[in-house]
């Protein structure tokens, strides 16, 4: 199973949409410095991820579920 790094995924989606960090930080009510820290994190609070998914109209949860291996030997 490939490791999913949600911070990089969010950053990539912002770039793909042509959105700025300033726009994003304002939309999620966080400081720009906090957004840059978020980009470095491999995980994120699920409530925040719901907000971001809705804001960007991208289902990051699907990205996670598609990356889950159902092989119990990978636990």
Protein backbone atom coordinates (compact mmCIF):
# COMPACT_ATOMS: atom_id res chain seq x y z
CA UNK A 1 0.00 0.00 0.00
CA UNK A 2 1.32 3.42 -0.91
CA UNK A 3 1.61 5.94 1.89
CA UNK A 4 -0.95 8.72 1.61
CA UNK A 5 0.29 12.18 2.56
CA UNK A 6 -2.82 14.33 2.90
CA UNK A 7 -0.92 17.61 3.21
CA UNK A 8 0.74 17.10 -0.17
CA UNK A 9 -2.56 15.99 -1.69
CA UNK A 10 -4.32 19.16 -0.53
CA UNK A 11 -1.46 21.31 -1.79
CA UNK A 12 -1.54 19.54 -5.18
CA UNK A 13 -5.30 19.99 -5.48
CA UNK A 14 -5.00 23.70 -4.68
CA UNK A 15 -2.37 24.04 -7.38
CA UNK A 16 -4.46 22.05 -9.88
CA UNK A 17 -7.39 24.40 -9.23
CA UNK A 18 -5.21 27.49 -9.52
CA UNK A 19 -6.09 28.56 -5.99
CA UNK A 20 -3.73 30.58 -3.82
CA UNK A 21 -2.67 29.80 -0.28
CA UNK A 22 -4.05 33.21 0.71
CA UNK A 23 -7.49 32.30 -0.68
CA UNK A 24 -7.39 28.88 0.98
CA UNK A 25 -6.27 30.16 4.38
CA UNK A 26 -9.05 32.75 4.37
CA UNK A 27 -11.64 30.18 3.33
CA UNK A 28 -10.73 27.79 6.16
CA UNK A 29 -10.10 30.61 8.67
CA UNK A 30 -6.47 29.72 9.34
CA UNK A 31 -3.25 31.70 9.13
CA UNK A 32 -1.14 31.18 6.01
CA UNK A 33 1.68 29.83 8.18
CA UNK A 34 -0.71 27.17 9.52
CA UNK A 35 -1.65 26.18 5.97
CA UNK A 36 2.01 25.70 5.07
CA UNK A 37 2.39 23.51 8.18
CA UNK A 38 -0.69 21.54 7.09
CA UNK A 39 0.97 20.83 3.72
CA UNK A 40 3.84 19.15 5.60
CA UNK A 41 1.57 16.86 7.63
CA UNK A 42 0.85 13.30 6.49
CA UNK A 43 -2.48 13.30 8.38
CA UNK A 44 -5.23 15.74 9.31
CA UNK A 45 -8.24 16.00 11.60
CA UNK A 46 -11.29 14.48 9.88
CA UNK A 47 -13.55 17.46 10.61
CA UNK A 48 -11.08 19.75 8.89
CA UNK A 49 -10.75 17.32 6.00
CA UNK A 50 -14.54 17.37 5.52
CA UNK A 51 -14.45 21.18 5.33
CA UNK A 52 -11.56 21.13 2.89
CA UNK A 53 -13.18 18.43 0.74
CA UNK A 54 -16.36 20.49 0.46
CA UNK A 55 -14.47 23.71 -0.19
CA UNK A 56 -12.33 22.23 -2.95
CA UNK A 57 -15.08 19.90 -4.19
CA UNK A 58 -12.66 17.00 -3.98
CA UNK A 59 -13.35 13.82 -2.01
CA UNK A 60 -10.09 13.25 -0.17
CA UNK A 61 -11.79 10.45 1.78
CA UNK A 62 -12.20 8.51 -1.47
CA UNK A 63 -8.49 8.96 -2.11
CA UNK A 64 -7.84 7.37 1.28
CA UNK A 65 -10.30 4.51 0.81
CA UNK A 66 -8.89 3.66 -2.61
CA UNK A 67 -5.45 3.42 -1.01
CA UNK A 68 -6.54 0.96 1.68
CA UNK A 69 -5.41 -2.61 1.20
CA UNK A 70 -7.84 -5.18 2.55
CA UNK A 71 -5.01 -7.68 2.99
CA UNK A 72 -4.84 -8.32 6.73
CA UNK A 73 -1.12 -9.09 6.39
CA UNK A 74 -0.46 -5.38 5.78
CA UNK A 75 -1.62 -4.31 9.24
